[in-house]
């Protein structure tokens, strides 16, 4: 990834992506897109029904999806 982005090292990738997100005015996480804790169950329901969920090498549980949502809110 670093090579494709013309960066010196792999550790430069995350700061470069964060800078790009800032420059483009993109949301930094789900909270910036208006997702709140009260929407978790609806988001998780959708994830469980999505065909990608069923074809993942390891199927995530509802609790794991909730944990992922929680982590994504901290970005």
C-alpha atoms as a PDB file:
ATOM      1  CA  UNK A   1       0.000   0.000   0.000  1.00  0.00           C
ATOM      2  CA  UNK A   2       2.810   2.393   0.910  1.00  0.00           C
ATOM      3  CA  UNK A   3       4.486   1.780  -2.433  1.00  0.00           C
ATOM      4  CA  UNK A   4       1.240   2.364  -4.343  1.00  0.00           C
ATOM      5  CA  UNK A   5       0.780   5.631  -2.443  1.00  0.00           C
ATOM      6  CA  UNK A   6       4.417   6.632  -3.045  1.00  0.00           C
ATOM      7  CA  UNK A   7       5.175   6.650   0.689  1.00  0.00           C
ATOM      8  CA  UNK A   8       8.420   5.713   2.419  1.00  0.00           C
ATOM      9  CA  UNK A   9       7.107   3.067   4.820  1.00  0.00           C
ATOM     10  CA  UNK A  10       3.981   1.187   5.757  1.00  0.00           C
ATOM     11  CA  UNK A  11       3.695   3.240   8.924  1.00  0.00           C
ATOM     12  CA  UNK A  12       3.086   6.308   6.732  1.00  0.00           C
ATOM     13  CA  UNK A  13      -0.124   4.848   5.257  1.00  0.00           C
ATOM     14  CA  UNK A  14      -2.541   5.604   8.102  1.00  0.00           C
ATOM     15  CA  UNK A  15      -1.483   9.260   8.546  1.00  0.00           C
ATOM     16  CA  UNK A  16      -1.655   9.725   4.761  1.00  0.00           C
ATOM     17  CA  UNK A  17      -5.178   8.277   4.647  1.00  0.00           C
ATOM     18  CA  UNK A  18      -6.250  10.416   7.606  1.00  0.00           C
ATOM     19  CA  UNK A  19      -4.870  13.490   5.838  1.00  0.00           C
ATOM     20  CA  UNK A  20      -6.747  12.577   2.653  1.00  0.00           C
ATOM     21  CA  UNK A  21     -10.011  12.112   4.566  1.00  0.00           C
ATOM     22  CA  UNK A  22      -9.510  15.541   6.148  1.00  0.00           C
ATOM     23  CA  UNK A  23      -8.629  17.253   2.845  1.00  0.00           C
ATOM     24  CA  UNK A  24     -11.652  15.735   1.096  1.00  0.00           C
ATOM     25  CA  UNK A  25     -13.994  16.563   3.963  1.00  0.00           C
ATOM     26  CA  UNK A  26     -15.065  12.938   4.339  1.00  0.00           C
ATOM     27  CA  UNK A  27     -16.623  11.637   7.552  1.00  0.00           C
ATOM     28  CA  UNK A  28     -14.058  10.147   9.941  1.00  0.00           C
ATOM     29  CA  UNK A  29     -16.358   7.473  11.295  1.00  0.00           C
ATOM     30  CA  UNK A  30     -19.937   6.402  11.737  1.00  0.00           C
ATOM     31  CA  UNK A  31     -20.644   9.091  14.340  1.00  0.00           C
ATOM     32  CA  UNK A  32     -19.821  11.731  11.721  1.00  0.00           C
ATOM     33  CA  UNK A  33     -22.485  10.131   9.515  1.00  0.00           C
ATOM     34  CA  UNK A  34     -25.151  10.380  12.200  1.00  0.00           C
ATOM     35  CA  UNK A  35     -25.025   6.811  13.488  1.00  0.00           C
ATOM     36  CA  UNK A  36     -25.942   6.659  17.162  1.00  0.00           C
ATOM     37  CA  UNK A  37     -26.030   3.801  19.653  1.00  0.00           C
ATOM     38  CA  UNK A  38     -29.808   3.493  19.292  1.00  0.00           C
ATOM     39  CA  UNK A  39     -29.307   2.502  15.623  1.00  0.00           C
ATOM     40  CA  UNK A  40     -26.945  -0.407  16.391  1.00  0.00           C
ATOM     41  CA  UNK A  41     -29.638  -3.102  16.343  1.00  0.00           C
ATOM     42  CA  UNK A  42     -30.940  -1.945  12.965  1.00  0.00           C
ATOM     43  CA  UNK A  43     -27.398  -1.838  11.535  1.00  0.00           C
ATOM     44  CA  UNK A  44     -26.629  -5.276  12.979  1.00  0.00           C
ATOM     45  CA  UNK A  45     -29.887  -6.691  11.581  1.00  0.00           C
ATOM     46  CA  UNK A  46     -28.857  -5.460   8.135  1.00  0.00           C
ATOM     47  CA  UNK A  47     -25.362  -6.904   8.497  1.00  0.00           C
ATOM     48  CA  UNK A  48     -26.733 -10.299   9.504  1.00  0.00           C
ATOM     49  CA  UNK A  49     -28.965 -10.376   6.412  1.00  0.00           C
ATOM     50  CA  UNK A  50     -26.267  -9.212   4.000  1.00  0.00           C
ATOM     51  CA  UNK A  51     -24.913 -11.905   1.669  1.00  0.00           C
ATOM     52  CA  UNK A  52     -21.339 -10.929   2.608  1.00  0.00           C
ATOM     53  CA  UNK A  53     -22.009 -11.950   6.209  1.00  0.00           C
ATOM     54  CA  UNK A  54     -22.902 -15.457   5.101  1.00  0.00           C
ATOM     55  CA  UNK A  55     -19.815 -15.858   2.907  1.00  0.00           C
ATOM     56  CA  UNK A  56     -17.158 -14.540   5.311  1.00  0.00           C
ATOM     57  CA  UNK A  57     -14.511 -17.104   6.304  1.00  0.00           C
ATOM     58  CA  UNK A  58     -15.515 -16.529   9.931  1.00  0.00           C
ATOM     59  CA  UNK A  59     -19.081 -15.532  10.701  1.00  0.00           C
ATOM     60  CA  UNK A  60     -19.356 -12.604  13.123  1.00  0.00           C
ATOM     61  CA  UNK A  61     -21.843 -12.735  15.978  1.00  0.00           C
ATOM     62  CA  UNK A  62     -24.250  -9.936  16.885  1.00  0.00           C
ATOM     63  CA  UNK A  63     -21.991  -9.090  19.840  1.00  0.00           C
ATOM     64  CA  UNK A  64     -18.964  -8.866  17.536  1.00  0.00           C
ATOM     65  CA  UNK A  65     -20.839  -6.548  15.187  1.00  0.00           C
ATOM     66  CA  UNK A  66     -21.810  -4.393  18.175  1.00  0.00           C
ATOM     67  CA  UNK A  67     -18.153  -4.257  19.250  1.00  0.00           C
ATOM     68  CA  UNK A  68     -17.092  -3.267  15.711  1.00  0.00           C
ATOM     69  CA  UNK A  69     -19.692  -0.505  15.688  1.00  0.00           C
ATOM     70  CA  UNK A  70     -18.462   0.739  19.047  1.00  0.00           C
ATOM     71  CA  UNK A  71     -14.871   0.853  17.819  1.00  0.00           C
ATOM     72  CA  UNK A  72     -15.865   2.647  14.624  1.00  0.00           C
ATOM     73  CA  UNK A  73     -17.590   5.360  16.642  1.00  0.00           C
ATOM     74  CA  UNK A  74     -14.244   6.270  18.269  1.00  0.00           C
ATOM     75  CA  UNK A  75     -12.510   7.162  14.993  1.00  0.00           C
END
